[in-house]
């Protein structure tokens, strides 16, 4: 099975920005869960460590939920038997190309 993703410049830019935001969210969650508690251990603000870890876990869960970008970017689902392809919210260029091909 191979994965091929096509898209216009706007779609590719959106995908790059979405991946960057996902990476930053994951980095923030790991800093909150690991980095901050290590730095704060043994200091006056040590009671804040569990709250930072809980906040980091929350950001990690949110990041994992937002990381499923391919289904939204592809906008297509293939039926289980492989006979039908359903395209949700097709790109305007695709609609124009299919519309002109069906009129020919």
PDB file of N, CA and C in Angstrom:
ATOM      1  N   UNK A   1       0.839  -1.164   0.000  1.00  0.00           N
ATOM      2  CA  UNK A   1       0.000   0.000   0.000  1.00  0.00           C
ATOM      3  C   UNK A   1       0.893   1.239   0.000  1.00  0.00           C
ATOM      4  N   UNK A   2       0.584   2.180  -0.846  1.00  0.00           N
ATOM      5  CA  UNK A   2       1.369   3.416  -0.873  1.00  0.00           C
ATOM      6  C   UNK A   2       0.443   4.594  -0.619  1.00  0.00           C
ATOM      7  N   UNK A   3       1.002   5.634  -0.065  1.00  0.00           N
ATOM      8  CA  UNK A   3       0.248   6.830   0.261  1.00  0.00           C
ATOM      9  C   UNK A   3       0.746   7.956  -0.623  1.00  0.00           C
ATOM     10  N   UNK A   4      -0.160   8.541  -1.380  1.00  0.00           N
ATOM     11  CA  UNK A   4       0.175   9.672  -2.232  1.00  0.00           C
ATOM     12  C   UNK A   4      -0.742  10.815  -1.879  1.00  0.00           C
ATOM     13  N   UNK A   5      -0.156  11.957  -1.572  1.00  0.00           N
ATOM     14  CA  UNK A   5      -0.933  13.126  -1.200  1.00  0.00           C
ATOM     15  C   UNK A   5      -0.657  14.217  -2.215  1.00  0.00           C
ATOM     16  N   UNK A   6      -1.707  14.700  -2.862  1.00  0.00           N
ATOM     17  CA  UNK A   6      -1.593  15.788  -3.815  1.00  0.00           C
ATOM     18  C   UNK A   6      -2.339  16.990  -3.257  1.00  0.00           C
ATOM     19  N   UNK A   7      -1.945  18.141  -3.668  1.00  0.00           N
ATOM     20  CA  UNK A   7      -2.660  19.327  -3.235  1.00  0.00           C
ATOM     21  C   UNK A   7      -2.086  20.570  -3.886  1.00  0.00           C
ATOM     22  N   UNK A   8      -2.870  21.617  -3.871  1.00  0.00           N
ATOM     23  CA  UNK A   8      -2.418  22.884  -4.414  1.00  0.00           C
ATOM     24  C   UNK A   8      -1.457  23.544  -3.425  1.00  0.00           C
ATOM     25  N   UNK A   9      -0.934  24.698  -3.793  1.00  0.00           N
ATOM     26  CA  UNK A   9       0.007  25.397  -2.915  1.00  0.00           C
ATOM     27  C   UNK A   9      -0.629  25.774  -1.588  1.00  0.00           C
ATOM     28  N   UNK A  10      -1.887  26.224  -1.621  1.00  0.00           N
ATOM     29  CA  UNK A  10      -2.576  26.581  -0.372  1.00  0.00           C
ATOM     30  C   UNK A  10      -2.746  25.364   0.531  1.00  0.00           C
ATOM     31  N   UNK A  11      -3.095  24.229  -0.056  1.00  0.00           N
ATOM     32  CA  UNK A  11      -3.273  23.010   0.732  1.00  0.00           C
ATOM     33  C   UNK A  11      -1.940  22.548   1.327  1.00  0.00           C
ATOM     34  N   UNK A  12      -0.881  22.620   0.537  1.00  0.00           N
ATOM     35  CA  UNK A  12       0.432  22.218   1.037  1.00  0.00           C
ATOM     36  C   UNK A  12       0.900  23.140   2.157  1.00  0.00           C
ATOM     37  N   UNK A  13       0.635  24.428   2.016  1.00  0.00           N
ATOM     38  CA  UNK A  13       0.995  25.389   3.064  1.00  0.00           C
ATOM     39  C   UNK A  13       0.205  25.093   4.342  1.00  0.00           C
ATOM     40  N   UNK A  14      -1.097  24.810   4.192  1.00  0.00           N
ATOM     41  CA  UNK A  14      -1.917  24.471   5.351  1.00  0.00           C
ATOM     42  C   UNK A  14      -1.366  23.230   6.049  1.00  0.00           C
ATOM     43  N   UNK A  15      -0.981  22.234   5.256  1.00  0.00           N
ATOM     44  CA  UNK A  15      -0.471  20.992   5.823  1.00  0.00           C
ATOM     45  C   UNK A  15       0.830  21.234   6.579  1.00  0.00           C
ATOM     46  N   UNK A  16       1.751  22.023   6.014  1.00  0.00           N
ATOM     47  CA  UNK A  16       2.999  22.328   6.708  1.00  0.00           C
ATOM     48  C   UNK A  16       2.742  23.065   8.021  1.00  0.00           C
ATOM     49  N   UNK A  17       1.861  24.061   8.001  1.00  0.00           N
ATOM     50  CA  UNK A  17       1.549  24.803   9.217  1.00  0.00           C
ATOM     51  C   UNK A  17       0.864  23.919  10.262  1.00  0.00           C
ATOM     52  N   UNK A  18      -0.008  23.021   9.806  1.00  0.00           N
ATOM     53  CA  UNK A  18      -0.690  22.114  10.728  1.00  0.00           C
ATOM     54  C   UNK A  18       0.315  21.171  11.397  1.00  0.00           C
ATOM     55  N   UNK A  19       1.265  20.664  10.617  1.00  0.00           N
ATOM     56  CA  UNK A  19       2.295  19.792  11.186  1.00  0.00           C
ATOM     57  C   UNK A  19       3.168  20.563  12.174  1.00  0.00           C
ATOM     58  N   UNK A  20       3.512  21.804  11.848  1.00  0.00           N
ATOM     59  CA  UNK A  20       4.323  22.628  12.739  1.00  0.00           C
ATOM     60  C   UNK A  20       3.592  22.902  14.056  1.00  0.00           C
ATOM     61  N   UNK A  21       2.307  23.238  13.966  1.00  0.00           N
ATOM     62  CA  UNK A  21       1.526  23.463  15.181  1.00  0.00           C
ATOM     63  C   UNK A  21       1.438  22.199  16.026  1.00  0.00           C
ATOM     64  N   UNK A  22       1.272  21.046  15.382  1.00  0.00           N
ATOM     65  CA  UNK A  22       1.217  19.781  16.122  1.00  0.00           C
ATOM     66  C   UNK A  22       2.543  19.507  16.820  1.00  0.00           C
ATOM     67  N   UNK A  23       3.643  19.742  16.132  1.00  0.00           N
ATOM     68  CA  UNK A  23       4.960  19.531  16.726  1.00  0.00           C
ATOM     69  C   UNK A  23       5.171  20.463  17.921  1.00  0.00           C
ATOM     70  N   UNK A  24       4.768  21.725  17.792  1.00  0.00           N
ATOM     71  CA  UNK A  24       4.913  22.672  18.896  1.00  0.00           C
ATOM     72  C   UNK A  24       4.048  22.279  20.087  1.00  0.00           C
ATOM     73  N   UNK A  25       2.835  21.777  19.842  1.00  0.00           N
ATOM     74  CA  UNK A  25       1.980  21.331  20.946  1.00  0.00           C
ATOM     75  C   UNK A  25       2.598  20.145  21.678  1.00  0.00           C
ATOM     76  N   UNK A  26       3.155  19.180  20.912  1.00  0.00           N
ATOM     77  CA  UNK A  26       3.816  18.043  21.545  1.00  0.00           C
ATOM     78  C   UNK A  26       5.030  18.504  22.356  1.00  0.00           C
ATOM     79  N   UNK A  27       5.817  19.416  21.811  1.00  0.00           N
ATOM     80  CA  UNK A  27       6.987  19.921  22.531  1.00  0.00           C
ATOM     81  C   UNK A  27       6.559  20.624  23.820  1.00  0.00           C
ATOM     82  N   UNK A  28       5.521  21.440  23.745  1.00  0.00           N
ATOM     83  CA  UNK A  28       5.025  22.125  24.931  1.00  0.00           C
ATOM     84  C   UNK A  28       4.560  21.134  25.992  1.00  0.00           C
ATOM     85  N   UNK A  29       3.870  20.092  25.562  1.00  0.00           N
ATOM     86  CA  UNK A  29       3.383  19.111  26.538  1.00  0.00           C
ATOM     87  C   UNK A  29       4.539  18.391  27.224  1.00  0.00           C
ATOM     88  N   UNK A  30       5.596  18.055  26.478  1.00  0.00           N
ATOM     89  CA  UNK A  30       6.727  17.370  27.096  1.00  0.00           C
ATOM     90  C   UNK A  30       7.514  18.290  28.021  1.00  0.00           C
ATOM     91  N   UNK A  31       7.623  19.562  27.653  1.00  0.00           N
ATOM     92  CA  UNK A  31       8.288  20.515  28.548  1.00  0.00           C
ATOM     93  C   UNK A  31       7.488  20.662  29.833  1.00  0.00           C
ATOM     94  N   UNK A  32       6.163  20.733  29.713  1.00  0.00           N
ATOM     95  CA  UNK A  32       5.336  20.877  30.910  1.00  0.00           C
ATOM     96  C   UNK A  32       5.355  19.618  31.769  1.00  0.00           C
ATOM     97  N   UNK A  33       5.429  18.452  31.138  1.00  0.00           N
ATOM     98  CA  UNK A  33       5.368  17.208  31.905  1.00  0.00           C
ATOM     99  C   UNK A  33       6.724  16.781  32.455  1.00  0.00           C
ATOM    100  N   UNK A  34       7.800  17.083  31.747  1.00  0.00           N
ATOM    101  CA  UNK A  34       9.112  16.576  32.147  1.00  0.00           C
ATOM    102  C   UNK A  34      10.060  17.701  32.543  1.00  0.00           C
ATOM    103  N   UNK A  35      10.215  18.698  31.683  1.00  0.00           N
ATOM    104  CA  UNK A  35      11.206  19.744  31.906  1.00  0.00           C
ATOM    105  C   UNK A  35      10.932  20.603  33.118  1.00  0.00           C
ATOM    106  N   UNK A  36       9.737  21.128  33.207  1.00  0.00           N
ATOM    107  CA  UNK A  36       9.408  22.008  34.334  1.00  0.00           C
ATOM    108  C   UNK A  36       9.471  21.301  35.680  1.00  0.00           C
ATOM    109  N   UNK A  37       8.913  20.100  35.828  1.00  0.00           N
ATOM    110  CA  UNK A  37       9.024  19.428  37.133  1.00  0.00           C
ATOM    111  C   UNK A  37      10.467  19.144  37.546  1.00  0.00           C
ATOM    112  N   UNK A  38      11.325  18.793  36.583  1.00  0.00           N
ATOM    113  CA  UNK A  38      12.723  18.525  36.921  1.00  0.00           C
ATOM    114  C   UNK A  38      13.396  19.796  37.438  1.00  0.00           C
ATOM    115  N   UNK A  39      13.109  20.918  36.790  1.00  0.00           N
ATOM    116  CA  UNK A  39      13.702  22.191  37.211  1.00  0.00           C
ATOM    117  C   UNK A  39      13.152  22.635  38.561  1.00  0.00           C
ATOM    118  N   UNK A  40      11.862  22.415  38.795  1.00  0.00           N
ATOM    119  CA  UNK A  40      11.224  22.933  40.004  1.00  0.00           C
ATOM    120  C   UNK A  40      11.380  22.037  41.235  1.00  0.00           C
ATOM    121  N   UNK A  41      11.832  20.804  41.065  1.00  0.00           N
ATOM    122  CA  UNK A  41      11.990  19.910  42.220  1.00  0.00           C
ATOM    123  C   UNK A  41      13.020  20.490  43.181  1.00  0.00           C
ATOM    124  N   UNK A  42      12.661  20.494  44.447  1.00  0.00           N
ATOM    125  CA  UNK A  42      13.561  20.982  45.473  1.00  0.00           C
ATOM    126  C   UNK A  42      13.540  22.488  45.646  1.00  0.00           C
ATOM    127  N   UNK A  43      12.639  23.180  44.956  1.00  0.00           N
ATOM    128  CA  UNK A  43      12.540  24.626  45.115  1.00  0.00           C
ATOM    129  C   UNK A  43      11.307  24.958  45.941  1.00  0.00           C
ATOM    130  N   UNK A  44      11.088  26.243  46.134  1.00  0.00           N
ATOM    131  CA  UNK A  44       9.961  26.713  46.933  1.00  0.00           C
ATOM    132  C   UNK A  44       8.633  26.408  46.244  1.00  0.00           C
ATOM    133  N   UNK A  45       8.630  26.396  44.914  1.00  0.00           N
ATOM    134  CA  UNK A  45       7.377  26.192  44.167  1.00  0.00           C
ATOM    135  C   UNK A  45       7.140  24.722  43.818  1.00  0.00           C
ATOM    136  N   UNK A  46       7.748  23.820  44.565  1.00  0.00           N
ATOM    137  CA  UNK A  46       7.569  22.391  44.301  1.00  0.00           C
ATOM    138  C   UNK A  46       6.113  21.938  44.344  1.00  0.00           C
ATOM    139  N   UNK A  47       5.236  22.526  45.174  1.00  0.00           N
ATOM    140  CA  UNK A  47       3.822  22.100  45.148  1.00  0.00           C
ATOM    141  C   UNK A  47       3.119  22.348  43.811  1.00  0.00           C
ATOM    142  N   UNK A  48       3.681  23.160  42.936  1.00  0.00           N
ATOM    143  CA  UNK A  48       3.070  23.417  41.633  1.00  0.00           C
ATOM    144  C   UNK A  48       3.362  22.311  40.625  1.00  0.00           C
ATOM    145  N   UNK A  49       4.278  21.409  40.926  1.00  0.00           N
ATOM    146  CA  UNK A  49       4.690  20.361  39.983  1.00  0.00           C
ATOM    147  C   UNK A  49       3.523  19.479  39.534  1.00  0.00           C
ATOM    148  N   UNK A  50       2.655  18.977  40.412  1.00  0.00           N
ATOM    149  CA  UNK A  50       1.541  18.145  39.932  1.00  0.00           C
ATOM    150  C   UNK A  50       0.608  18.897  38.974  1.00  0.00           C
ATOM    151  N   UNK A  51       0.419  20.185  39.213  1.00  0.00           N
ATOM    152  CA  UNK A  51      -0.436  20.955  38.310  1.00  0.00           C
ATOM    153  C   UNK A  51       0.198  21.093  36.926  1.00  0.00           C
ATOM    154  N   UNK A  52       1.516  21.293  36.889  1.00  0.00           N
ATOM    155  CA  UNK A  52       2.209  21.356  35.600  1.00  0.00           C
ATOM    156  C   UNK A  52       2.122  20.026  34.871  1.00  0.00           C
ATOM    157  N   UNK A  53       2.274  18.938  35.601  1.00  0.00           N
ATOM    158  CA  UNK A  53       2.203  17.619  34.969  1.00  0.00           C
ATOM    159  C   UNK A  53       0.786  17.347  34.445  1.00  0.00           C
ATOM    160  N   UNK A  54      -0.230  17.727  35.218  1.00  0.00           N
ATOM    161  CA  UNK A  54      -1.607  17.552  34.757  1.00  0.00           C
ATOM    162  C   UNK A  54      -1.874  18.419  33.525  1.00  0.00           C
ATOM    163  N   UNK A  55      -1.385  19.658  33.532  1.00  0.00           N
ATOM    164  CA  UNK A  55      -1.533  20.532  32.366  1.00  0.00           C
ATOM    165  C   UNK A  55      -0.820  19.972  31.148  1.00  0.00           C
ATOM    166  N   UNK A  56       0.375  19.435  31.349  1.00  0.00           N
ATOM    167  CA  UNK A  56       1.118  18.824  30.245  1.00  0.00           C
ATOM    168  C   UNK A  56       0.413  17.608  29.682  1.00  0.00           C
ATOM    169  N   UNK A  57      -0.179  16.804  30.560  1.00  0.00           N
ATOM    170  CA  UNK A  57      -0.939  15.639  30.102  1.00  0.00           C
ATOM    171  C   UNK A  57      -2.165  16.076  29.303  1.00  0.00           C
ATOM    172  N   UNK A  58      -2.804  17.151  29.739  1.00  0.00           N
ATOM    173  CA  UNK A  58      -3.964  17.671  29.000  1.00  0.00           C
ATOM    174  C   UNK A  58      -3.560  18.151  27.615  1.00  0.00           C
ATOM    175  N   UNK A  59      -2.450  18.872  27.533  1.00  0.00           N
ATOM    176  CA  UNK A  59      -1.969  19.358  26.234  1.00  0.00           C
ATOM    177  C   UNK A  59      -1.559  18.179  25.357  1.00  0.00           C
ATOM    178  N   UNK A  60      -0.969  17.144  25.950  1.00  0.00           N
ATOM    179  CA  UNK A  60      -0.588  15.957  25.183  1.00  0.00           C
ATOM    180  C   UNK A  60      -1.819  15.257  24.601  1.00  0.00           C
ATOM    181  N   UNK A  61      -2.875  15.121  25.391  1.00  0.00           N
ATOM    182  CA  UNK A  61      -4.112  14.504  24.887  1.00  0.00           C
ATOM    183  C   UNK A  61      -4.722  15.336  23.761  1.00  0.00           C
ATOM    184  N   UNK A  62      -4.729  16.638  23.936  1.00  0.00           N
ATOM    185  CA  UNK A  62      -5.248  17.528  22.887  1.00  0.00           C
ATOM    186  C   UNK A  62      -4.401  17.415  21.626  1.00  0.00           C
ATOM    187  N   UNK A  63      -3.092  17.338  21.775  1.00  0.00           N
ATOM    188  CA  UNK A  63      -2.198  17.223  20.624  1.00  0.00           C
ATOM    189  C   UNK A  63      -2.426  15.916  19.882  1.00  0.00           C
ATOM    190  N   UNK A  64      -2.615  14.839  20.627  1.00  0.00           N
ATOM    191  CA  UNK A  64      -2.862  13.545  19.987  1.00  0.00           C
ATOM    192  C   UNK A  64      -4.173  13.561  19.210  1.00  0.00           C
ATOM    193  N   UNK A  65      -5.175  14.238  19.739  1.00  0.00           N
ATOM    194  CA  UNK A  65      -6.464  14.311  19.042  1.00  0.00           C
ATOM    195  C   UNK A  65      -6.357  15.154  17.772  1.00  0.00           C
ATOM    196  N   UNK A  66      -5.561  16.210  17.796  1.00  0.00           N
ATOM    197  CA  UNK A  66      -5.427  17.093  16.639  1.00  0.00           C
ATOM    198  C   UNK A  66      -4.429  16.570  15.607  1.00  0.00           C
ATOM    199  N   UNK A  67      -3.697  15.530  15.929  1.00  0.00           N
ATOM    200  CA  UNK A  67      -2.653  15.037  15.029  1.00  0.00           C
ATOM    201  C   UNK A  67      -3.205  14.242  13.850  1.00  0.00           C
ATOM    202  N   UNK A  68      -4.456  13.886  13.862  1.00  0.00           N
ATOM    203  CA  UNK A  68      -5.020  13.108  12.760  1.00  0.00           C
ATOM    204  C   UNK A  68      -5.356  14.040  11.601  1.00  0.00           C
ATOM    205  N   UNK A  69      -4.338  14.474  10.884  1.00  0.00           N
ATOM    206  CA  UNK A  69      -4.502  15.468   9.823  1.00  0.00           C
ATOM    207  C   UNK A  69      -4.822  14.827   8.483  1.00  0.00           C
ATOM    208  N   UNK A  70      -4.411  13.589   8.252  1.00  0.00           N
ATOM    209  CA  UNK A  70      -4.510  13.004   6.915  1.00  0.00           C
ATOM    210  C   UNK A  70      -5.947  12.846   6.451  1.00  0.00           C
ATOM    211  N   UNK A  71      -6.835  12.408   7.329  1.00  0.00           N
ATOM    212  CA  UNK A  71      -8.231  12.216   6.922  1.00  0.00           C
ATOM    213  C   UNK A  71      -8.861  13.537   6.508  1.00  0.00           C
ATOM    214  N   UNK A  72      -8.569  14.608   7.254  1.00  0.00           N
ATOM    215  CA  UNK A  72      -9.135  15.908   6.891  1.00  0.00           C
ATOM    216  C   UNK A  72      -8.500  16.452   5.620  1.00  0.00           C
ATOM    217  N   UNK A  73      -7.208  16.196   5.431  1.00  0.00           N
ATOM    218  CA  UNK A  73      -6.529  16.704   4.244  1.00  0.00           C
ATOM    219  C   UNK A  73      -6.952  15.920   3.005  1.00  0.00           C
ATOM    220  N   UNK A  74      -7.090  14.610   3.137  1.00  0.00           N
ATOM    221  CA  UNK A  74      -7.430  13.777   1.985  1.00  0.00           C
ATOM    222  C   UNK A  74      -8.874  13.984   1.547  1.00  0.00           C
ATOM    223  N   UNK A  75      -9.774  14.173   2.486  1.00  0.00           N
ATOM    224  CA  UNK A  75     -11.192  14.412   2.203  1.00  0.00           C
ATOM    225  C   UNK A  75     -11.848  13.251   1.450  1.00  0.00           C
ATOM    226  N   UNK A  76     -11.254  12.092   1.483  1.00  0.00           N
ATOM    227  CA  UNK A  76     -11.809  10.962   0.742  1.00  0.00           C
ATOM    228  C   UNK A  76     -11.813   9.712   1.610  1.00  0.00           C
ATOM    229  N   UNK A  77     -12.850   8.907   1.422  1.00  0.00           N
ATOM    230  CA  UNK A  77     -12.982   7.642   2.132  1.00  0.00           C
ATOM    231  C   UNK A  77     -13.328   6.576   1.102  1.00  0.00           C
ATOM    232  N   UNK A  78     -12.651   5.442   1.194  1.00  0.00           N
ATOM    233  CA  UNK A  78     -12.932   4.316   0.305  1.00  0.00           C
ATOM    234  C   UNK A  78     -13.786   3.327   1.069  1.00  0.00           C
ATOM    235  N   UNK A  79     -14.821   2.789   0.387  1.00  0.00           N
ATOM    236  CA  UNK A  79     -15.683   1.813   1.050  1.00  0.00           C
ATOM    237  C   UNK A  79     -14.891   0.561   1.400  1.00  0.00           C
ATOM    238  N   UNK A  80     -15.440  -0.252   2.279  1.00  0.00           N
ATOM    239  CA  UNK A  80     -14.746  -1.446   2.763  1.00  0.00           C
ATOM    240  C   UNK A  80     -14.441  -2.406   1.617  1.00  0.00           C
ATOM    241  N   UNK A  81     -15.381  -2.563   0.690  1.00  0.00           N
ATOM    242  CA  UNK A  81     -15.150  -3.484  -0.422  1.00  0.00           C
ATOM    243  C   UNK A  81     -14.307  -2.853  -1.532  1.00  0.00           C
ATOM    244  N   UNK A  82     -14.014  -1.584  -1.456  1.00  0.00           N
ATOM    245  CA  UNK A  82     -13.147  -0.912  -2.420  1.00  0.00           C
ATOM    246  C   UNK A  82     -13.835  -0.475  -3.700  1.00  0.00           C
ATOM    247  N   UNK A  83     -15.144  -0.540  -3.765  1.00  0.00           N
ATOM    248  CA  UNK A  83     -15.857  -0.186  -4.990  1.00  0.00           C
ATOM    249  C   UNK A  83     -16.173   1.298  -5.092  1.00  0.00           C
ATOM    250  N   UNK A  84     -16.305   1.976  -3.977  1.00  0.00           N
ATOM    251  CA  UNK A  84     -16.761   3.365  -3.998  1.00  0.00           C
ATOM    252  C   UNK A  84     -15.765   4.282  -3.308  1.00  0.00           C
ATOM    253  N   UNK A  85     -15.639   5.460  -3.857  1.00  0.00           N
ATOM    254  CA  UNK A  85     -14.810   6.511  -3.280  1.00  0.00           C
ATOM    255  C   UNK A  85     -15.719   7.696  -2.989  1.00  0.00           C
ATOM    256  N   UNK A  86     -15.768   8.094  -1.738  1.00  0.00           N
ATOM    257  CA  UNK A  86     -16.591   9.233  -1.331  1.00  0.00           C
ATOM    258  C   UNK A  86     -15.671  10.392  -1.005  1.00  0.00           C
ATOM    259  N   UNK A  87     -15.902  11.530  -1.648  1.00  0.00           N
ATOM    260  CA  UNK A  87     -15.082  12.714  -1.405  1.00  0.00           C
ATOM    261  C   UNK A  87     -15.931  13.741  -0.680  1.00  0.00           C
ATOM    262  N   UNK A  88     -15.493  14.075   0.551  1.00  0.00           N
ATOM    263  CA  UNK A  88     -16.176  15.089   1.348  1.00  0.00           C
ATOM    264  C   UNK A  88     -15.515  16.433   1.104  1.00  0.00           C
ATOM    265  N   UNK A  89     -16.295  17.463   0.939  1.00  0.00           N
ATOM    266  CA  UNK A  89     -15.790  18.825   0.806  1.00  0.00           C
ATOM    267  C   UNK A  89     -14.642  18.889  -0.202  1.00  0.00           C
ATOM    268  N   UNK A  90     -14.894  18.584  -1.471  1.00  0.00           N
ATOM    269  CA  UNK A  90     -13.811  18.543  -2.454  1.00  0.00           C
ATOM    270  C   UNK A  90     -13.212  19.920  -2.707  1.00  0.00           C
ATOM    271  N   UNK A  91     -11.959  19.910  -3.109  1.00  0.00           N
ATOM    272  CA  UNK A  91     -11.242  21.142  -3.428  1.00  0.00           C
ATOM    273  C   UNK A  91     -11.895  21.783  -4.650  1.00  0.00           C
ATOM    274  N   UNK A  92     -12.005  23.108  -4.713  1.00  0.00           N
ATOM    275  CA  UNK A  92     -12.653  23.772  -5.849  1.00  0.00           C
ATOM    276  C   UNK A  92     -12.010  23.445  -7.201  1.00  0.00           C
ATOM    277  N   UNK A  93     -10.695  23.273  -7.233  1.00  0.00           N
ATOM    278  CA  UNK A  93     -10.033  22.912  -8.490  1.00  0.00           C
ATOM    279  C   UNK A  93     -10.464  21.518  -8.963  1.00  0.00           C
ATOM    280  N   UNK A  94     -10.654  20.596  -8.007  1.00  0.00           N
ATOM    281  CA  UNK A  94     -11.102  19.257  -8.348  1.00  0.00           C
ATOM    282  C   UNK A  94     -12.525  19.292  -8.902  1.00  0.00           C
ATOM    283  N   UNK A  95     -13.380  20.073  -8.263  1.00  0.00           N
ATOM    284  CA  UNK A  95     -14.772  20.192  -8.726  1.00  0.00           C
ATOM    285  C   UNK A  95     -14.800  20.759 -10.128  1.00  0.00           C
ATOM    286  N   UNK A  96     -13.988  21.761 -10.410  1.00  0.00           N
ATOM    287  CA  UNK A  96     -13.948  22.353 -11.751  1.00  0.00           C
ATOM    288  C   UNK A  96     -13.437  21.351 -12.771  1.00  0.00           C
ATOM    289  N   UNK A  97     -12.402  20.570 -12.404  1.00  0.00           N
ATOM    290  CA  UNK A  97     -11.846  19.587 -13.340  1.00  0.00           C
ATOM    291  C   UNK A  97     -12.836  18.462 -13.621  1.00  0.00           C
ATOM    292  N   UNK A  98     -13.508  17.963 -12.594  1.00  0.00           N
ATOM    293  CA  UNK A  98     -14.480  16.886 -12.785  1.00  0.00           C
ATOM    294  C   UNK A  98     -15.691  17.403 -13.555  1.00  0.00           C
ATOM    295  N   UNK A  99     -16.109  18.611 -13.247  1.00  0.00           N
ATOM    296  CA  UNK A  99     -17.254  19.201 -13.959  1.00  0.00           C
ATOM    297  C   UNK A  99     -16.964  19.382 -15.445  1.00  0.00           C
ATOM    298  N   UNK A 100     -15.758  19.845 -15.790  1.00  0.00           N
ATOM    299  CA  UNK A 100     -15.429  20.035 -17.202  1.00  0.00           C
ATOM    300  C   UNK A 100     -15.223  18.688 -17.893  1.00  0.00           C
ATOM    301  N   UNK A 101     -14.721  17.673 -17.184  1.00  0.00           N
ATOM    302  CA  UNK A 101     -14.530  16.358 -17.784  1.00  0.00           C
ATOM    303  C   UNK A 101     -15.873  15.678 -18.024  1.00  0.00           C
ATOM    304  N   UNK A 102     -16.835  15.881 -17.140  1.00  0.00           N
ATOM    305  CA  UNK A 102     -18.126  15.210 -17.318  1.00  0.00           C
ATOM    306  C   UNK A 102     -18.946  15.892 -18.416  1.00  0.00           C
ATOM    307  N   UNK A 103     -18.674  17.149 -18.700  1.00  0.00           N
ATOM    308  CA  UNK A 103     -19.389  17.845 -19.785  1.00  0.00           C
ATOM    309  C   UNK A 103     -18.825  17.487 -21.150  1.00  0.00           C
ATOM    310  N   UNK A 104     -17.587  16.979 -21.175  1.00  0.00           N
ATOM    311  CA  UNK A 104     -16.950  16.642 -22.468  1.00  0.00           C
ATOM    312  C   UNK A 104     -17.431  15.341 -23.019  1.00  0.00           C
TER     313      UNK A 104
END
